[in-house]
Amino acid sequence: VQLQAFGGGLVQAGGSLRLSCAASESIWNIRIMGWYRQVPGGQRERVAIIGETGATRYADSVKGRFTISRDNAKRTVYLQLDSLKPEDTAIYYCNADPSGTLWLNREGQYWGQGTLVTVSS
């Protein structure tokens, strides 16, 4: 499956963005969809994942501020970013793990191209 992420941009601290990840084929059978982020020169960090039933997990750093959702009919996964902070600045990637689980700490094999989020102070 091919993934295309978009929706990034420049926003002031405290602002909001909504990222979208469109899949090239059905995601009904993809058990885990997720968002990761990476600062240039830094390690990739898992931000949020969502299971096929809608159950979610978030990184502690974004709990209460970010919301992941999926619309299987539209083959799209969303990440709503609220109360943004400068430290949220990163390239955000969507990810698909067809056979993963919420409690399996691994990255799926399918990646989108990334979308840049820049939060100014």
PDB file of N, CA and C in Angstrom:
ATOM      1  N   VAL A   1       0.849  -1.182   0.000  1.00  0.00           N
ATOM      2  CA  VAL A   1       0.000   0.000   0.000  1.00  0.00           C
ATOM      3  C   VAL A   1       0.889   1.238   0.000  1.00  0.00           C
ATOM      4  N   GLN A   2       0.495   2.230  -0.794  1.00  0.00           N
ATOM      5  CA  GLN A   2       1.220   3.504  -0.833  1.00  0.00           C
ATOM      6  C   GLN A   2       0.483   4.523   0.009  1.00  0.00           C
ATOM      7  N   LEU A   3       1.251   5.314   0.742  1.00  0.00           N
ATOM      8  CA  LEU A   3       0.680   6.293   1.645  1.00  0.00           C
ATOM      9  C   LEU A   3       1.161   7.683   1.260  1.00  0.00           C
ATOM     10  N   GLN A   4       0.262   8.634   1.321  1.00  0.00           N
ATOM     11  CA  GLN A   4       0.618  10.013   1.019  1.00  0.00           C
ATOM     12  C   GLN A   4       0.126  10.907   2.141  1.00  0.00           C
ATOM     13  N   ALA A   5       1.075  11.569   2.788  1.00  0.00           N
ATOM     14  CA  ALA A   5       0.746  12.447   3.900  1.00  0.00           C
ATOM     15  C   ALA A   5       0.751  13.894   3.437  1.00  0.00           C
ATOM     16  N   PHE A   6      -0.169  14.658   3.964  1.00  0.00           N
ATOM     17  CA  PHE A   6      -0.191  16.084   3.659  1.00  0.00           C
ATOM     18  C   PHE A   6      -0.898  16.819   4.792  1.00  0.00           C
ATOM     19  N   GLY A   7      -0.796  18.145   4.736  1.00  0.00           N
ATOM     20  CA  GLY A   7      -1.439  18.968   5.756  1.00  0.00           C
ATOM     21  C   GLY A   7      -0.483  19.710   6.655  1.00  0.00           C
ATOM     22  N   GLY A   8       0.822  19.466   6.502  1.00  0.00           N
ATOM     23  CA  GLY A   8       1.788  20.180   7.317  1.00  0.00           C
ATOM     24  C   GLY A   8       1.864  21.649   6.946  1.00  0.00           C
ATOM     25  N   GLY A   9       2.600  22.393   7.742  1.00  0.00           N
ATOM     26  CA  GLY A   9       2.757  23.806   7.467  1.00  0.00           C
ATOM     27  C   GLY A   9       3.383  24.523   8.632  1.00  0.00           C
ATOM     28  N   LEU A  10       3.350  25.846   8.547  1.00  0.00           N
ATOM     29  CA  LEU A  10       3.907  26.707   9.591  1.00  0.00           C
ATOM     30  C   LEU A  10       2.763  27.246  10.438  1.00  0.00           C
ATOM     31  N   VAL A  11       2.900  27.106  11.737  1.00  0.00           N
ATOM     32  CA  VAL A  11       1.848  27.561  12.639  1.00  0.00           C
ATOM     33  C   VAL A  11       2.494  28.125  13.893  1.00  0.00           C
ATOM     34  N   GLN A  12       1.831  29.053  14.523  1.00  0.00           N
ATOM     35  CA  GLN A  12       2.346  29.617  15.771  1.00  0.00           C
ATOM     36  C   GLN A  12       2.056  28.687  16.935  1.00  0.00           C
ATOM     37  N   ALA A  13       2.861  28.808  17.949  1.00  0.00           N
ATOM     38  CA  ALA A  13       2.636  28.021  19.158  1.00  0.00           C
ATOM     39  C   ALA A  13       1.218  28.261  19.669  1.00  0.00           C
ATOM     40  N   GLY A  14       0.580  27.171  20.076  1.00  0.00           N
ATOM     41  CA  GLY A  14      -0.796  27.226  20.521  1.00  0.00           C
ATOM     42  C   GLY A  14      -1.803  26.972  19.420  1.00  0.00           C
ATOM     43  N   GLY A  15      -1.338  26.960  18.199  1.00  0.00           N
ATOM     44  CA  GLY A  15      -2.218  26.753  17.066  1.00  0.00           C
ATOM     45  C   GLY A  15      -2.507  25.288  16.783  1.00  0.00           C
ATOM     46  N   SER A  16      -3.194  25.056  15.674  1.00  0.00           N
ATOM     47  CA  SER A  16      -3.628  23.704  15.315  1.00  0.00           C
ATOM     48  C   SER A  16      -3.342  23.408  13.853  1.00  0.00           C
ATOM     49  N   LEU A  17      -3.185  22.144  13.572  1.00  0.00           N
ATOM     50  CA  LEU A  17      -3.079  21.638  12.206  1.00  0.00           C
ATOM     51  C   LEU A  17      -3.778  20.291  12.146  1.00  0.00           C
ATOM     52  N   ARG A  18      -4.172  19.913  10.958  1.00  0.00           N
ATOM     53  CA  ARG A  18      -4.737  18.584  10.753  1.00  0.00           C
ATOM     54  C   ARG A  18      -3.971  17.907   9.632  1.00  0.00           C
ATOM     55  N   LEU A  19      -3.331  16.827   9.955  1.00  0.00           N
ATOM     56  CA  LEU A  19      -2.613  16.046   8.970  1.00  0.00           C
ATOM     57  C   LEU A  19      -3.512  14.935   8.443  1.00  0.00           C
ATOM     58  N   SER A  20      -3.339  14.621   7.175  1.00  0.00           N
ATOM     59  CA  SER A  20      -4.077  13.532   6.559  1.00  0.00           C
ATOM     60  C   SER A  20      -3.103  12.565   5.908  1.00  0.00           C
ATOM     61  N   CYS A  21      -3.468  11.320   5.898  1.00  0.00           N
ATOM     62  CA  CYS A  21      -2.673  10.280   5.247  1.00  0.00           C
ATOM     63  C   CYS A  21      -3.616   9.465   4.379  1.00  0.00           C
ATOM     64  N   ALA A  22      -3.459   9.599   3.086  1.00  0.00           N
ATOM     65  CA  ALA A  22      -4.321   8.892   2.141  1.00  0.00           C
ATOM     66  C   ALA A  22      -3.626   7.634   1.654  1.00  0.00           C
ATOM     67  N   ALA A  23      -4.350   6.526   1.693  1.00  0.00           N
ATOM     68  CA  ALA A  23      -3.799   5.245   1.248  1.00  0.00           C
ATOM     69  C   ALA A  23      -4.254   4.938  -0.176  1.00  0.00           C
ATOM     70  N   SER A  24      -3.420   4.236  -0.902  1.00  0.00           N
ATOM     71  CA  SER A  24      -3.713   3.929  -2.304  1.00  0.00           C
ATOM     72  C   SER A  24      -4.716   2.789  -2.446  1.00  0.00           C
ATOM     73  N   GLU A  25      -4.952   2.050  -1.355  1.00  0.00           N
ATOM     74  CA  GLU A  25      -5.899   0.945  -1.398  1.00  0.00           C
ATOM     75  C   GLU A  25      -6.591   0.836  -0.050  1.00  0.00           C
ATOM     76  N   SER A  26      -7.481  -0.086   0.058  1.00  0.00           N
ATOM     77  CA  SER A  26      -8.284  -0.222   1.258  1.00  0.00           C
ATOM     78  C   SER A  26      -7.421  -0.411   2.499  1.00  0.00           C
ATOM     79  N   ILE A  27      -7.861   0.227   3.588  1.00  0.00           N
ATOM     80  CA  ILE A  27      -7.158   0.049   4.859  1.00  0.00           C
ATOM     81  C   ILE A  27      -8.023  -0.714   5.858  1.00  0.00           C
ATOM     82  N   TRP A  28      -9.117  -1.284   5.378  1.00  0.00           N
ATOM     83  CA  TRP A  28      -9.990  -2.035   6.276  1.00  0.00           C
ATOM     84  C   TRP A  28      -9.223  -3.142   6.993  1.00  0.00           C
ATOM     85  N   ASN A  29      -8.329  -3.784   6.281  1.00  0.00           N
ATOM     86  CA  ASN A  29      -7.610  -4.922   6.857  1.00  0.00           C
ATOM     87  C   ASN A  29      -6.233  -4.556   7.395  1.00  0.00           C
ATOM     88  N   ILE A  30      -5.933  -3.279   7.445  1.00  0.00           N
ATOM     89  CA  ILE A  30      -4.657  -2.870   8.040  1.00  0.00           C
ATOM     90  C   ILE A  30      -4.897  -2.626   9.515  1.00  0.00           C
ATOM     91  N   ARG A  31      -4.319  -3.458  10.329  1.00  0.00           N
ATOM     92  CA  ARG A  31      -4.656  -3.464  11.742  1.00  0.00           C
ATOM     93  C   ARG A  31      -4.179  -2.204  12.456  1.00  0.00           C
ATOM     94  N   ILE A  32      -3.004  -1.725  12.129  1.00  0.00           N
ATOM     95  CA  ILE A  32      -2.470  -0.559  12.814  1.00  0.00           C
ATOM     96  C   ILE A  32      -2.065   0.501  11.796  1.00  0.00           C
ATOM     97  N   MET A  33      -2.603   1.698  11.984  1.00  0.00           N
ATOM     98  CA  MET A  33      -2.159   2.872  11.238  1.00  0.00           C
ATOM     99  C   MET A  33      -1.568   3.833  12.255  1.00  0.00           C
ATOM    100  N   GLY A  34      -0.519   4.517  11.848  1.00  0.00           N
ATOM    101  CA  GLY A  34       0.121   5.375  12.831  1.00  0.00           C
ATOM    102  C   GLY A  34       0.790   6.595  12.241  1.00  0.00           C
ATOM    103  N   TRP A  35       1.170   7.472  13.132  1.00  0.00           N
ATOM    104  CA  TRP A  35       1.937   8.657  12.789  1.00  0.00           C
ATOM    105  C   TRP A  35       3.224   8.659  13.610  1.00  0.00           C
ATOM    106  N   TYR A  36       4.311   8.986  12.936  1.00  0.00           N
ATOM    107  CA  TYR A  36       5.612   9.114  13.552  1.00  0.00           C
ATOM    108  C   TYR A  36       6.157  10.482  13.187  1.00  0.00           C
ATOM    109  N   ARG A  37       7.164  10.907  13.914  1.00  0.00           N
ATOM    110  CA  ARG A  37       7.805  12.173  13.563  1.00  0.00           C
ATOM    111  C   ARG A  37       9.307  12.072  13.793  1.00  0.00           C
ATOM    112  N   GLN A  38      10.008  12.929  13.076  1.00  0.00           N
ATOM    113  CA  GLN A  38      11.463  12.919  13.172  1.00  0.00           C
ATOM    114  C   GLN A  38      12.005  14.312  12.920  1.00  0.00           C
ATOM    115  N   VAL A  39      12.861  14.731  13.822  1.00  0.00           N
ATOM    116  CA  VAL A  39      13.598  15.971  13.651  1.00  0.00           C
ATOM    117  C   VAL A  39      14.885  15.636  12.895  1.00  0.00           C
ATOM    118  N   PRO A  40      15.276  16.429  11.921  1.00  0.00           N
ATOM    119  CA  PRO A  40      16.517  16.142  11.195  1.00  0.00           C
ATOM    120  C   PRO A  40      17.684  15.904  12.136  1.00  0.00           C
ATOM    121  N   GLY A  41      18.328  14.770  11.956  1.00  0.00           N
ATOM    122  CA  GLY A  41      19.443  14.412  12.814  1.00  0.00           C
ATOM    123  C   GLY A  41      19.034  13.701  14.080  1.00  0.00           C
ATOM    124  N   GLY A  42      17.717  13.563  14.292  1.00  0.00           N
ATOM    125  CA  GLY A  42      17.236  12.917  15.503  1.00  0.00           C
ATOM    126  C   GLY A  42      16.611  11.571  15.215  1.00  0.00           C
ATOM    127  N   GLN A  43      16.182  10.900  16.274  1.00  0.00           N
ATOM    128  CA  GLN A  43      15.545   9.591  16.124  1.00  0.00           C
ATOM    129  C   GLN A  43      14.071   9.742  15.789  1.00  0.00           C
ATOM    130  N   ARG A  44      13.564   8.776  15.076  1.00  0.00           N
ATOM    131  CA  ARG A  44      12.139   8.783  14.766  1.00  0.00           C
ATOM    132  C   ARG A  44      11.358   8.389  16.018  1.00  0.00           C
ATOM    133  N   GLU A  45      10.282   9.095  16.235  1.00  0.00           N
ATOM    134  CA  GLU A  45       9.465   8.894  17.430  1.00  0.00           C
ATOM    135  C   GLU A  45       8.045   8.547  17.024  1.00  0.00           C
ATOM    136  N   ARG A  46       7.479   7.552  17.662  1.00  0.00           N
ATOM    137  CA  ARG A  46       6.086   7.235  17.405  1.00  0.00           C
ATOM    138  C   ARG A  46       5.206   8.251  18.131  1.00  0.00           C
ATOM    139  N   VAL A  47       4.289   8.844  17.408  1.00  0.00           N
ATOM    140  CA  VAL A  47       3.406   9.860  17.963  1.00  0.00           C
ATOM    141  C   VAL A  47       2.086   9.255  18.404  1.00  0.00           C
ATOM    142  N   ALA A  48       1.452   8.515  17.503  1.00  0.00           N
ATOM    143  CA  ALA A  48       0.147   7.937  17.804  1.00  0.00           C
ATOM    144  C   ALA A  48      -0.126   6.789  16.850  1.00  0.00           C
ATOM    145  N   ILE A  49      -0.854   5.809  17.355  1.00  0.00           N
ATOM    146  CA  ILE A  49      -1.296   4.705  16.511  1.00  0.00           C
ATOM    147  C   ILE A  49      -2.771   4.431  16.771  1.00  0.00           C
ATOM    148  N   ILE A  50      -3.419   3.849  15.778  1.00  0.00           N
ATOM    149  CA  ILE A  50      -4.836   3.521  15.915  1.00  0.00           C
ATOM    150  C   ILE A  50      -5.073   2.144  15.328  1.00  0.00           C
ATOM    151  N   GLY A  51      -5.824   1.351  16.068  1.00  0.00           N
ATOM    152  CA  GLY A  51      -6.134   0.005  15.625  1.00  0.00           C
ATOM    153  C   GLY A  51      -7.369  -0.030  14.751  1.00  0.00           C
ATOM    154  N   GLU A  52      -7.653  -1.200  14.226  1.00  0.00           N
ATOM    155  CA  GLU A  52      -8.790  -1.368  13.316  1.00  0.00           C
ATOM    156  C   GLU A  52     -10.121  -1.135  14.018  1.00  0.00           C
ATOM    157  N   THR A  53     -10.154  -1.276  15.344  1.00  0.00           N
ATOM    158  CA  THR A  53     -11.392  -1.027  16.096  1.00  0.00           C
ATOM    159  C   THR A  53     -11.512   0.411  16.567  1.00  0.00           C
ATOM    160  N   GLY A  54     -10.477   1.218  16.308  1.00  0.00           N
ATOM    161  CA  GLY A  54     -10.490   2.601  16.749  1.00  0.00           C
ATOM    162  C   GLY A  54      -9.754   2.852  18.042  1.00  0.00           C
ATOM    163  N   ALA A  55      -9.244   1.804  18.659  1.00  0.00           N
ATOM    164  CA  ALA A  55      -8.453   1.987  19.879  1.00  0.00           C
ATOM    165  C   ALA A  55      -7.150   2.708  19.533  1.00  0.00           C
ATOM    166  N   THR A  56      -6.689   3.526  20.459  1.00  0.00           N
ATOM    167  CA  THR A  56      -5.535   4.373  20.177  1.00  0.00           C
ATOM    168  C   THR A  56      -4.474   4.313  21.268  1.00  0.00           C
ATOM    169  N   ARG A  57      -3.279   4.695  20.896  1.00  0.00           N
ATOM    170  CA  ARG A  57      -2.191   4.903  21.858  1.00  0.00           C
ATOM    171  C   ARG A  57      -1.429   6.144  21.419  1.00  0.00           C
ATOM    172  N   TYR A  58      -0.962   6.902  22.412  1.00  0.00           N
ATOM    173  CA  TYR A  58      -0.256   8.145  22.141  1.00  0.00           C
ATOM    174  C   TYR A  58       1.070   8.189  22.903  1.00  0.00           C
ATOM    175  N   ALA A  59       2.001   8.925  22.326  1.00  0.00           N
ATOM    176  CA  ALA A  59       3.213   9.235  23.062  1.00  0.00           C
ATOM    177  C   ALA A  59       2.850  10.166  24.211  1.00  0.00           C
ATOM    178  N   ASP A  60       3.533  10.034  25.317  1.00  0.00           N
ATOM    179  CA  ASP A  60       3.232  10.876  26.474  1.00  0.00           C
ATOM    180  C   ASP A  60       3.338  12.359  26.133  1.00  0.00           C
ATOM    181  N   SER A  61       4.235  12.690  25.254  1.00  0.00           N
ATOM    182  CA  SER A  61       4.481  14.097  24.929  1.00  0.00           C
ATOM    183  C   SER A  61       3.328  14.760  24.183  1.00  0.00           C
ATOM    184  N   VAL A  62       2.416  13.958  23.629  1.00  0.00           N
ATOM    185  CA  VAL A  62       1.316  14.543  22.853  1.00  0.00           C
ATOM    186  C   VAL A  62      -0.057  14.209  23.416  1.00  0.00           C
ATOM    187  N   LYS A  63      -0.112  13.440  24.476  1.00  0.00           N
ATOM    188  CA  LYS A  63      -1.407  13.071  25.063  1.00  0.00           C
ATOM    189  C   LYS A  63      -2.182  14.308  25.461  1.00  0.00           C
ATOM    190  N   GLY A  64      -3.455  14.312  25.098  1.00  0.00           N
ATOM    191  CA  GLY A  64      -4.313  15.440  25.418  1.00  0.00           C
ATOM    192  C   GLY A  64      -4.232  16.579  24.420  1.00  0.00           C
ATOM    193  N   ARG A  65      -3.283  16.513  23.499  1.00  0.00           N
ATOM    194  CA  ARG A  65      -3.135  17.579  22.499  1.00  0.00           C
ATOM    195  C   ARG A  65      -3.362  17.070  21.082  1.00  0.00           C
ATOM    196  N   PHE A  66      -2.986  15.848  20.817  1.00  0.00           N
ATOM    197  CA  PHE A  66      -3.136  15.274  19.476  1.00  0.00           C
ATOM    198  C   PHE A  66      -4.220  14.213  19.493  1.00  0.00           C
ATOM    199  N   THR A  67      -4.899  14.063  18.360  1.00  0.00           N
ATOM    200  CA  THR A  67      -5.930  13.041  18.232  1.00  0.00           C
ATOM    201  C   THR A  67      -5.779  12.340  16.888  1.00  0.00           C
ATOM    202  N   ILE A  68      -5.657  11.027  16.951  1.00  0.00           N
ATOM    203  CA  ILE A  68      -5.577  10.236  15.732  1.00  0.00           C
ATOM    204  C   ILE A  68      -6.936   9.618  15.447  1.00  0.00           C
ATOM    205  N   SER A  69      -7.280   9.540  14.174  1.00  0.00           N
ATOM    206  CA  SER A  69      -8.542   8.913  13.789  1.00  0.00           C
ATOM    207  C   SER A  69      -8.352   8.280  12.413  1.00  0.00           C
ATOM    208  N   ARG A  70      -9.265   7.403  12.080  1.00  0.00           N
ATOM    209  CA  ARG A  70      -9.190   6.772  10.766  1.00  0.00           C
ATOM    210  C   ARG A  70     -10.587   6.673  10.172  1.00  0.00           C
ATOM    211  N   ASP A  71     -10.646   6.855   8.866  1.00  0.00           N
ATOM    212  CA  ASP A  71     -11.884   6.711   8.114  1.00  0.00           C
ATOM    213  C   ASP A  71     -11.608   5.644   7.060  1.00  0.00           C
ATOM    214  N   ASN A  72     -11.972   4.423   7.369  1.00  0.00           N
ATOM    215  CA  ASN A  72     -11.660   3.320   6.466  1.00  0.00           C
ATOM    216  C   ASN A  72     -12.337   3.480   5.110  1.00  0.00           C
ATOM    217  N   ALA A  73     -13.539   4.027   5.107  1.00  0.00           N
ATOM    218  CA  ALA A  73     -14.257   4.201   3.838  1.00  0.00           C
ATOM    219  C   ALA A  73     -13.514   5.162   2.909  1.00  0.00           C
ATOM    220  N   LYS A  74     -12.841   6.146   3.495  1.00  0.00           N
ATOM    221  CA  LYS A  74     -12.087   7.120   2.701  1.00  0.00           C
ATOM    222  C   LYS A  74     -10.614   6.730   2.576  1.00  0.00           C
ATOM    223  N   ARG A  75     -10.230   5.607   3.181  1.00  0.00           N
ATOM    224  CA  ARG A  75      -8.842   5.127   3.137  1.00  0.00           C
ATOM    225  C   ARG A  75      -7.887   6.187   3.675  1.00  0.00           C
ATOM    226  N   THR A  76      -8.296   6.856   4.720  1.00  0.00           N
ATOM    227  CA  THR A  76      -7.531   7.997   5.225  1.00  0.00           C
ATOM    228  C   THR A  76      -7.392   7.925   6.744  1.00  0.00           C
ATOM    229  N   VAL A  77      -6.218   8.310   7.200  1.00  0.00           N
ATOM    230  CA  VAL A  77      -5.945   8.443   8.626  1.00  0.00           C
ATOM    231  C   VAL A  77      -5.607   9.900   8.896  1.00  0.00           C
ATOM    232  N   TYR A  78      -6.101  10.404  10.009  1.00  0.00           N
ATOM    233  CA  TYR A  78      -5.907  11.805  10.346  1.00  0.00           C
ATOM    234  C   TYR A  78      -5.124  11.936  11.652  1.00  0.00           C
ATOM    235  N   LEU A  79      -4.459  13.058  11.768  1.00  0.00           N
ATOM    236  CA  LEU A  79      -3.845  13.428  13.037  1.00  0.00           C
ATOM    237  C   LEU A  79      -4.157  14.898  13.279  1.00  0.00           C
ATOM    238  N   GLN A  80      -5.001  15.132  14.278  1.00  0.00           N
ATOM    239  CA  GLN A  80      -5.333  16.501  14.672  1.00  0.00           C
ATOM    240  C   GLN A  80      -4.312  16.949  15.706  1.00  0.00           C
ATOM    241  N   LEU A  81      -3.652  18.042  15.403  1.00  0.00           N
ATOM    242  CA  LEU A  81      -2.623  18.580  16.287  1.00  0.00           C
ATOM    243  C   LEU A  81      -3.126  19.886  16.884  1.00  0.00           C
ATOM    244  N   ASP A  82      -3.372  19.899  18.171  1.00  0.00           N
ATOM    245  CA  ASP A  82      -3.824  21.094  18.872  1.00  0.00           C
ATOM    246  C   ASP A  82      -2.797  21.516  19.909  1.00  0.00           C
ATOM    247  N   SER A  83      -2.922  22.757  20.347  1.00  0.00           N
ATOM    248  CA  SER A  83      -2.012  23.292  21.364  1.00  0.00           C
ATOM    249  C   SER A  83      -0.559  23.018  21.004  1.00  0.00           C
ATOM    250  N   LEU A  84      -0.220  23.314  19.780  1.00  0.00           N
ATOM    251  CA  LEU A  84       1.113  22.990  19.288  1.00  0.00           C
ATOM    252  C   LEU A  84       2.199  23.764  20.023  1.00  0.00           C
ATOM    253  N   LYS A  85       3.325  23.099  20.171  1.00  0.00           N
ATOM    254  CA  LYS A  85       4.494  23.679  20.829  1.00  0.00           C
ATOM    255  C   LYS A  85       5.674  23.672  19.859  1.00  0.00           C
ATOM    256  N   PRO A  86       6.637  24.553  20.072  1.00  0.00           N
ATOM    257  CA  PRO A  86       7.813  24.545  19.182  1.00  0.00           C
ATOM    258  C   PRO A  86       8.499  23.178  19.120  1.00  0.00           C
ATOM    259  N   GLU A  87       8.471  22.440  20.198  1.00  0.00           N
ATOM    260  CA  GLU A  87       9.115  21.125  20.199  1.00  0.00           C
ATOM    261  C   GLU A  87       8.350  20.082  19.384  1.00  0.00           C
ATOM    262  N   ASP A  88       7.179  20.435  18.884  1.00  0.00           N
ATOM    263  CA  ASP A  88       6.456  19.540  17.976  1.00  0.00           C
ATOM    264  C   ASP A  88       6.961  19.665  16.539  1.00  0.00           C
ATOM    265  N   THR A  89       7.831  20.619  16.306  1.00  0.00           N
ATOM    266  CA  THR A  89       8.387  20.807  14.970  1.00  0.00           C
ATOM    267  C   THR A  89       9.136  19.564  14.528  1.00  0.00           C
ATOM    268  N   ALA A  90       8.742  19.023  13.376  1.00  0.00           N
ATOM    269  CA  ALA A  90       9.336  17.786  12.871  1.00  0.00           C
ATOM    270  C   ALA A  90       8.709  17.453  11.523  1.00  0.00           C
ATOM    271  N   ILE A  91       9.274  16.457  10.881  1.00  0.00           N
ATOM    272  CA  ILE A  91       8.620  15.851   9.718  1.00  0.00           C
ATOM    273  C   ILE A  91       7.753  14.725  10.240  1.00  0.00           C
ATOM    274  N   TYR A  92       6.507  14.741   9.866  1.00  0.00           N
ATOM    275  CA  TYR A  92       5.546  13.746  10.327  1.00  0.00           C
ATOM    276  C   TYR A  92       5.299  12.735   9.210  1.00  0.00           C
ATOM    277  N   TYR A  93       5.403  11.463   9.565  1.00  0.00           N
ATOM    278  CA  TYR A  93       5.229  10.368   8.612  1.00  0.00           C
ATOM    279  C   TYR A  93       4.056   9.498   9.036  1.00  0.00           C
ATOM    280  N   CYS A  94       3.291   9.053   8.066  1.00  0.00           N
ATOM    281  CA  CYS A  94       2.275   8.054   8.383  1.00  0.00           C
ATOM    282  C   CYS A  94       2.823   6.660   8.081  1.00  0.00           C
ATOM    283  N   ASN A  95       2.250   5.710   8.746  1.00  0.00           N
ATOM    284  CA  ASN A  95       2.782   4.352   8.716  1.00  0.00           C
ATOM    285  C   ASN A  95       1.648   3.338   8.771  1.00  0.00           C
ATOM    286  N   ALA A  96       1.836   2.228   8.101  1.00  0.00           N
ATOM    287  CA  ALA A  96       0.836   1.164   8.112  1.00  0.00           C
ATOM    288  C   ALA A  96       1.486  -0.161   8.485  1.00  0.00           C
ATOM    289  N   ASP A  97       0.852  -0.855   9.409  1.00  0.00           N
ATOM    290  CA  ASP A  97       1.328  -2.169   9.851  1.00  0.00           C
ATOM    291  C   ASP A  97       0.160  -3.142   9.760  1.00  0.00           C
ATOM    292  N   PRO A  98       0.048  -3.864   8.665  1.00  0.00           N
ATOM    293  CA  PRO A  98      -1.120  -4.716   8.458  1.00  0.00           C
ATOM    294  C   PRO A  98      -1.322  -5.777   9.529  1.00  0.00           C
ATOM    295  N   SER A  99      -0.261  -6.240  10.134  1.00  0.00           N
ATOM    296  CA  SER A  99      -0.413  -7.338  11.089  1.00  0.00           C
ATOM    297  C   SER A  99      -0.033  -6.939  12.509  1.00  0.00           C
ATOM    298  N   GLY A 100       0.125  -5.656  12.763  1.00  0.00           N
ATOM    299  CA  GLY A 100       0.546  -5.217  14.082  1.00  0.00           C
ATOM    300  C   GLY A 100      -0.561  -5.244  15.115  1.00  0.00           C
ATOM    301  N   THR A 101      -0.194  -4.921  16.339  1.00  0.00           N
ATOM    302  CA  THR A 101      -1.161  -4.761  17.418  1.00  0.00           C
ATOM    303  C   THR A 101      -0.810  -3.471  18.160  1.00  0.00           C
ATOM    304  N   LEU A 102      -1.733  -3.009  18.979  1.00  0.00           N
ATOM    305  CA  LEU A 102      -1.500  -1.774  19.730  1.00  0.00           C
ATOM    306  C   LEU A 102      -0.340  -1.916  20.714  1.00  0.00           C
ATOM    307  N   TRP A 103      -0.107  -3.118  21.164  1.00  0.00           N
ATOM    308  CA  TRP A 103       0.882  -3.316  22.213  1.00  0.00           C
ATOM    309  C   TRP A 103       2.189  -3.871  21.691  1.00  0.00           C
ATOM    310  N   LEU A 104       2.297  -4.023  20.368  1.00  0.00           N
ATOM    311  CA  LEU A 104       3.537  -4.488  19.764  1.00  0.00           C
ATOM    312  C   LEU A 104       4.364  -3.273  19.387  1.00  0.00           C
ATOM    313  N   ASN A 105       5.491  -3.139  19.976  1.00  0.00           N
ATOM    314  CA  ASN A 105       6.315  -1.951  19.779  1.00  0.00           C
ATOM    315  C   ASN A 105       7.181  -2.110  18.538  1.00  0.00           C
ATOM    316  N   ARG A 106       6.563  -1.897  17.385  1.00  0.00           N
ATOM    317  CA  ARG A 106       7.315  -1.984  16.148  1.00  0.00           C
ATOM    318  C   ARG A 106       6.714  -1.036  15.124  1.00  0.00           C
ATOM    319  N   GLU A 107       7.505  -0.705  14.121  1.00  0.00           N
ATOM    320  CA  GLU A 107       7.023   0.115  13.018  1.00  0.00           C
ATOM    321  C   GLU A 107       6.528  -0.790  11.894  1.00  0.00           C
ATOM    322  N   GLY A 108       5.473  -0.354  11.231  1.00  0.00           N
ATOM    323  CA  GLY A 108       4.990  -1.112  10.084  1.00  0.00           C
ATOM    324  C   GLY A 108       5.900  -0.914   8.877  1.00  0.00           C
ATOM    325  N   GLN A 109       5.703  -1.729   7.862  1.00  0.00           N
ATOM    326  CA  GLN A 109       6.618  -1.691   6.726  1.00  0.00           C
ATOM    327  C   GLN A 109       6.252  -0.662   5.669  1.00  0.00           C
ATOM    328  N   TYR A 110       5.105  -0.021   5.798  1.00  0.00           N
ATOM    329  CA  TYR A 110       4.685   0.944   4.787  1.00  0.00           C
ATOM    330  C   TYR A 110       4.762   2.372   5.345  1.00  0.00           C
ATOM    331  N   TRP A 111       5.387   3.249   4.562  1.00  0.00           N
ATOM    332  CA  TRP A 111       5.597   4.630   4.984  1.00  0.00           C
ATOM    333  C   TRP A 111       5.142   5.619   3.925  1.00  0.00           C
ATOM    334  N   GLY A 112       4.608   6.737   4.404  1.00  0.00           N
ATOM    335  CA  GLY A 112       4.351   7.860   3.530  1.00  0.00           C
ATOM    336  C   GLY A 112       5.598   8.707   3.401  1.00  0.00           C
ATOM    337  N   GLN A 113       5.532   9.742   2.600  1.00  0.00           N
ATOM    338  CA  GLN A 113       6.720  10.536   2.292  1.00  0.00           C
ATOM    339  C   GLN A 113       7.025  11.598   3.337  1.00  0.00           C
ATOM    340  N   GLY A 114       6.129  11.861   4.244  1.00  0.00           N
ATOM    341  CA  GLY A 114       6.373  12.854   5.274  1.00  0.00           C
ATOM    342  C   GLY A 114       5.836  14.228   4.921  1.00  0.00           C
ATOM    343  N   THR A 115       5.408  14.918   5.963  1.00  0.00           N
ATOM    344  CA  THR A 115       4.944  16.288   5.797  1.00  0.00           C
ATOM    345  C   THR A 115       5.521  17.111   6.952  1.00  0.00           C
ATOM    346  N   LEU A 116       6.032  18.286   6.630  1.00  0.00           N
ATOM    347  CA  LEU A 116       6.754  19.082   7.614  1.00  0.00           C
ATOM    348  C   LEU A 116       5.805  19.957   8.418  1.00  0.00           C
ATOM    349  N   VAL A 117       5.940  19.869   9.720  1.00  0.00           N
ATOM    350  CA  VAL A 117       5.217  20.740  10.646  1.00  0.00           C
ATOM    351  C   VAL A 117       6.240  21.628  11.341  1.00  0.00           C
ATOM    352  N   THR A 118       6.041  22.926  11.240  1.00  0.00           N
ATOM    353  CA  THR A 118       6.929  23.890  11.889  1.00  0.00           C
ATOM    354  C   THR A 118       6.101  24.757  12.820  1.00  0.00           C
ATOM    355  N   VAL A 119       6.489  24.778  14.087  1.00  0.00           N
ATOM    356  CA  VAL A 119       5.769  25.564  15.085  1.00  0.00           C
ATOM    357  C   VAL A 119       6.690  26.672  15.571  1.00  0.00           C
ATOM    358  N   SER A 120       6.274  27.884  15.356  1.00  0.00           N
ATOM    359  CA  SER A 120       7.074  29.032  15.769  1.00  0.00           C
ATOM    360  C   SER A 120       6.670  29.496  17.166  1.00  0.00           C
ATOM    361  N   SER A 121       7.637  30.023  17.879  1.00  0.00           N
ATOM    362  CA  SER A 121       7.353  30.468  19.253  1.00  0.00           C
ATOM    363  C   SER A 121       6.893  31.918  19.285  1.00  0.00           C
TER     364      SER A 121
END
